[in-house]
């Protein structure tokens, strides 16, 4: 998937929406992976950022978040479940 940087987050838009019924949460922390349903996107939060009430928690990054700081503005990246 192609990811784009925006204010402490990496975003990738999906070709079609995920089925989404909530629950939604707003306590976003660095390291969270969330689904943002208004834009049908998956977002990796790697730095402090504000939240919106339409996020669904999907998982958490367990590696060093500092690695995200040096990524280019656009990058192809794969998420794997371990």
C-alpha atoms as a PDB file:
ATOM      1  CA  UNK A   1       0.000   0.000   0.000  1.00  0.00           C
ATOM      2  CA  UNK A   2       1.151   3.528  -0.662  1.00  0.00           C
ATOM      3  CA  UNK A   3       1.304   5.646   2.488  1.00  0.00           C
ATOM      4  CA  UNK A   4       1.417   9.455   2.724  1.00  0.00           C
ATOM      5  CA  UNK A   5       2.749  11.522   5.634  1.00  0.00           C
ATOM      6  CA  UNK A   6       0.600  14.157   7.316  1.00  0.00           C
ATOM      7  CA  UNK A   7       1.359  15.806  10.701  1.00  0.00           C
ATOM      8  CA  UNK A   8       2.726  12.854  12.649  1.00  0.00           C
ATOM      9  CA  UNK A   9       0.683  10.179  10.911  1.00  0.00           C
ATOM     10  CA  UNK A  10       0.985   7.909   7.886  1.00  0.00           C
ATOM     11  CA  UNK A  11      -2.220   7.457   5.858  1.00  0.00           C
ATOM     12  CA  UNK A  12      -3.213   4.987   3.150  1.00  0.00           C
ATOM     13  CA  UNK A  13      -6.588   5.135   1.407  1.00  0.00           C
ATOM     14  CA  UNK A  14      -8.398   1.867   0.768  1.00  0.00           C
ATOM     15  CA  UNK A  15     -10.032   0.998  -2.555  1.00  0.00           C
ATOM     16  CA  UNK A  16     -13.292   0.215  -0.744  1.00  0.00           C
ATOM     17  CA  UNK A  17     -14.556   0.857   2.787  1.00  0.00           C
ATOM     18  CA  UNK A  18     -14.289  -1.657   5.595  1.00  0.00           C
ATOM     19  CA  UNK A  19     -17.506  -2.698   7.281  1.00  0.00           C
ATOM     20  CA  UNK A  20     -17.697  -0.330  10.228  1.00  0.00           C
ATOM     21  CA  UNK A  21     -20.073  -0.216  13.167  1.00  0.00           C
ATOM     22  CA  UNK A  22     -17.764   1.135  15.907  1.00  0.00           C
ATOM     23  CA  UNK A  23     -17.228   1.487  18.748  1.00  0.00           C
ATOM     24  CA  UNK A  24     -15.318   4.660  18.035  1.00  0.00           C
ATOM     25  CA  UNK A  25     -12.666   6.111  20.322  1.00  0.00           C
ATOM     26  CA  UNK A  26     -10.765   9.358  20.678  1.00  0.00           C
ATOM     27  CA  UNK A  27      -7.877   8.414  22.976  1.00  0.00           C
ATOM     28  CA  UNK A  28      -5.305   8.202  20.163  1.00  0.00           C
ATOM     29  CA  UNK A  29      -1.759   7.369  21.244  1.00  0.00           C
ATOM     30  CA  UNK A  30       1.516   7.237  19.295  1.00  0.00           C
ATOM     31  CA  UNK A  31       1.828   3.678  17.988  1.00  0.00           C
ATOM     32  CA  UNK A  32      -1.885   3.165  17.287  1.00  0.00           C
ATOM     33  CA  UNK A  33      -3.147   1.835  13.974  1.00  0.00           C
ATOM     34  CA  UNK A  34      -6.682   3.089  13.318  1.00  0.00           C
ATOM     35  CA  UNK A  35      -9.363   2.978  10.646  1.00  0.00           C
ATOM     36  CA  UNK A  36     -10.731   6.431   9.749  1.00  0.00           C
ATOM     37  CA  UNK A  37     -14.099   5.741   8.172  1.00  0.00           C
ATOM     38  CA  UNK A  38     -14.955   9.141   6.599  1.00  0.00           C
ATOM     39  CA  UNK A  39     -11.988   8.705   4.218  1.00  0.00           C
ATOM     40  CA  UNK A  40     -11.876   4.879   4.151  1.00  0.00           C
ATOM     41  CA  UNK A  41      -8.262   4.999   5.267  1.00  0.00           C
ATOM     42  CA  UNK A  42      -5.926   3.202   7.621  1.00  0.00           C
ATOM     43  CA  UNK A  43      -3.726   5.489   9.677  1.00  0.00           C
ATOM     44  CA  UNK A  44      -0.561   4.812  11.662  1.00  0.00           C
ATOM     45  CA  UNK A  45      -0.129   7.304  14.490  1.00  0.00           C
ATOM     46  CA  UNK A  46       3.614   7.658  15.155  1.00  0.00           C
ATOM     47  CA  UNK A  47       3.667  11.033  16.941  1.00  0.00           C
ATOM     48  CA  UNK A  48       1.335  13.032  19.164  1.00  0.00           C
ATOM     49  CA  UNK A  49      -1.690  14.222  17.180  1.00  0.00           C
ATOM     50  CA  UNK A  50      -5.263  15.319  17.756  1.00  0.00           C
ATOM     51  CA  UNK A  51      -8.140  12.884  17.412  1.00  0.00           C
ATOM     52  CA  UNK A  52     -11.552  12.760  15.787  1.00  0.00           C
ATOM     53  CA  UNK A  53     -14.604  10.771  16.965  1.00  0.00           C
ATOM     54  CA  UNK A  54     -14.697   8.482  13.916  1.00  0.00           C
ATOM     55  CA  UNK A  55     -11.670   6.255  14.583  1.00  0.00           C
ATOM     56  CA  UNK A  56     -11.706   2.524  15.143  1.00  0.00           C
ATOM     57  CA  UNK A  57      -8.711   0.974  16.888  1.00  0.00           C
ATOM     58  CA  UNK A  58      -7.139  -1.792  14.769  1.00  0.00           C
ATOM     59  CA  UNK A  59      -3.818  -2.495  16.440  1.00  0.00           C
ATOM     60  CA  UNK A  60      -0.537  -1.149  17.743  1.00  0.00           C
ATOM     61  CA  UNK A  61       2.986  -0.736  16.351  1.00  0.00           C
ATOM     62  CA  UNK A  62       5.413  -2.696  18.528  1.00  0.00           C
ATOM     63  CA  UNK A  63       8.654  -1.592  16.881  1.00  0.00           C
ATOM     64  CA  UNK A  64      10.550   1.665  17.470  1.00  0.00           C
ATOM     65  CA  UNK A  65       8.358   4.596  16.350  1.00  0.00           C
ATOM     66  CA  UNK A  66      11.474   6.713  15.716  1.00  0.00           C
ATOM     67  CA  UNK A  67      11.916   4.735  12.477  1.00  0.00           C
ATOM     68  CA  UNK A  68       8.900   6.597  11.046  1.00  0.00           C
ATOM     69  CA  UNK A  69      10.581  10.000  11.451  1.00  0.00           C
ATOM     70  CA  UNK A  70      13.061   9.350   8.632  1.00  0.00           C
ATOM     71  CA  UNK A  71      10.596   7.951   6.089  1.00  0.00           C
ATOM     72  CA  UNK A  72       9.954   9.939   2.908  1.00  0.00           C
ATOM     73  CA  UNK A  73       6.632  11.773   2.490  1.00  0.00           C
ATOM     74  CA  UNK A  74       5.289   8.932   0.316  1.00  0.00           C
ATOM     75  CA  UNK A  75       6.325   5.305   0.734  1.00  0.00           C
ATOM     76  CA  UNK A  76       5.121   1.805  -0.147  1.00  0.00           C
ATOM     77  CA  UNK A  77       4.745  -0.171   3.064  1.00  0.00           C
ATOM     78  CA  UNK A  78       3.136  -3.434   4.175  1.00  0.00           C
ATOM     79  CA  UNK A  79       1.555  -4.124   7.549  1.00  0.00           C
ATOM     80  CA  UNK A  80       1.890  -7.655   8.852  1.00  0.00           C
ATOM     81  CA  UNK A  81       0.298  -9.309  11.830  1.00  0.00           C
ATOM     82  CA  UNK A  82       2.792 -11.098  14.087  1.00  0.00           C
END
